[in-house]
């Protein structure tokens, strides 16, 4: 998250569904383990349905290469 041009680390969103917080923590572990995945990352979006299914979207504003695709396969959880 960014506030006043400063990056803010978000570990938990108390007003969100517990499944979203679980996905946030899993995503952070995966991103911290891969410089290629987090390097060009601009934004993430996390959505959870009423049935508990979740989707994580990684948004990039720069072109991704073949090396990124290899690393991306490790992000699945």
Protein backbone atom coordinates (compact mmCIF):
# COMPACT_ATOMS: atom_id res chain seq x y z
CA UNK A 1 0.00 0.00 0.00
CA UNK A 2 1.20 3.56 -0.63
CA UNK A 3 0.33 6.59 1.47
CA UNK A 4 1.87 10.03 0.83
CA UNK A 5 4.40 8.44 -1.57
CA UNK A 6 5.60 6.08 1.18
CA UNK A 7 5.23 2.32 0.95
CA UNK A 8 3.31 0.79 3.85
CA UNK A 9 3.66 -2.88 4.71
CA UNK A 10 0.26 -4.56 5.11
CA UNK A 11 0.23 -7.80 7.11
CA UNK A 12 -3.48 -8.02 7.85
CA UNK A 13 -6.70 -6.20 7.03
CA UNK A 14 -8.95 -6.62 10.04
CA UNK A 15 -12.11 -5.55 8.20
CA UNK A 16 -11.61 -8.19 5.49
CA UNK A 17 -12.68 -11.80 5.27
CA UNK A 18 -10.27 -14.20 7.03
CA UNK A 19 -9.62 -15.92 3.68
CA UNK A 20 -8.24 -12.65 2.27
CA UNK A 21 -5.81 -12.36 5.17
CA UNK A 22 -4.74 -15.97 4.62
CA UNK A 23 -4.09 -15.24 0.94
CA UNK A 24 -2.14 -12.08 1.84
CA UNK A 25 0.18 -14.03 4.14
CA UNK A 26 0.71 -16.82 1.59
CA UNK A 27 1.37 -14.31 -1.18
CA UNK A 28 3.92 -12.42 0.90
CA UNK A 29 5.87 -15.62 1.54
CA UNK A 30 5.92 -16.42 -2.18
CA UNK A 31 6.90 -12.88 -3.19
CA UNK A 32 9.69 -12.63 -0.62
CA UNK A 33 11.14 -15.84 -2.06
CA UNK A 34 11.35 -14.52 -5.62
CA UNK A 35 13.00 -11.28 -6.68
CA UNK A 36 11.84 -11.80 -10.27
CA UNK A 37 8.18 -11.98 -9.29
CA UNK A 38 8.17 -9.00 -6.93
CA UNK A 39 10.62 -6.79 -8.88
CA UNK A 40 8.20 -5.49 -11.52
CA UNK A 41 5.03 -5.94 -9.48
CA UNK A 42 2.85 -2.83 -9.49
CA UNK A 43 -0.29 -3.95 -7.68
CA UNK A 44 -2.13 -6.96 -6.32
CA UNK A 45 -5.85 -7.57 -6.08
CA UNK A 46 -7.39 -10.27 -3.90
CA UNK A 47 -11.01 -11.34 -4.10
CA UNK A 48 -12.90 -14.00 -2.16
CA UNK A 49 -16.35 -15.35 -2.98
CA UNK A 50 -19.06 -16.12 -0.45
CA UNK A 51 -18.23 -19.80 -0.86
CA UNK A 52 -14.62 -19.13 0.22
CA UNK A 53 -12.91 -19.44 -3.16
CA UNK A 54 -10.22 -16.84 -3.74
CA UNK A 55 -8.33 -15.31 -6.61
CA UNK A 56 -5.14 -13.27 -6.52
CA UNK A 57 -4.30 -10.98 -9.45
CA UNK A 58 -0.76 -9.68 -9.94
CA UNK A 59 -0.64 -6.50 -12.02
CA UNK A 60 2.52 -5.43 -13.84
CA UNK A 61 3.17 -2.25 -15.84
CA UNK A 62 6.35 -3.55 -17.46
CA UNK A 63 6.85 -6.36 -19.97
CA UNK A 64 7.45 -9.82 -18.50
CA UNK A 65 10.02 -12.22 -19.93
CA UNK A 66 10.48 -16.00 -20.10
CA UNK A 67 12.40 -15.99 -16.80
CA UNK A 68 9.37 -14.47 -15.08
CA UNK A 69 7.12 -17.21 -16.48
CA UNK A 70 9.42 -19.89 -15.03
CA UNK A 71 9.36 -18.22 -11.61
CA UNK A 72 5.59 -17.62 -11.74
CA UNK A 73 4.91 -21.33 -11.64
CA UNK A 74 6.36 -21.38 -8.11
CA UNK A 75 3.87 -18.74 -6.92
CA UNK A 76 0.84 -21.02 -7.21
CA UNK A 77 -0.69 -21.99 -3.89
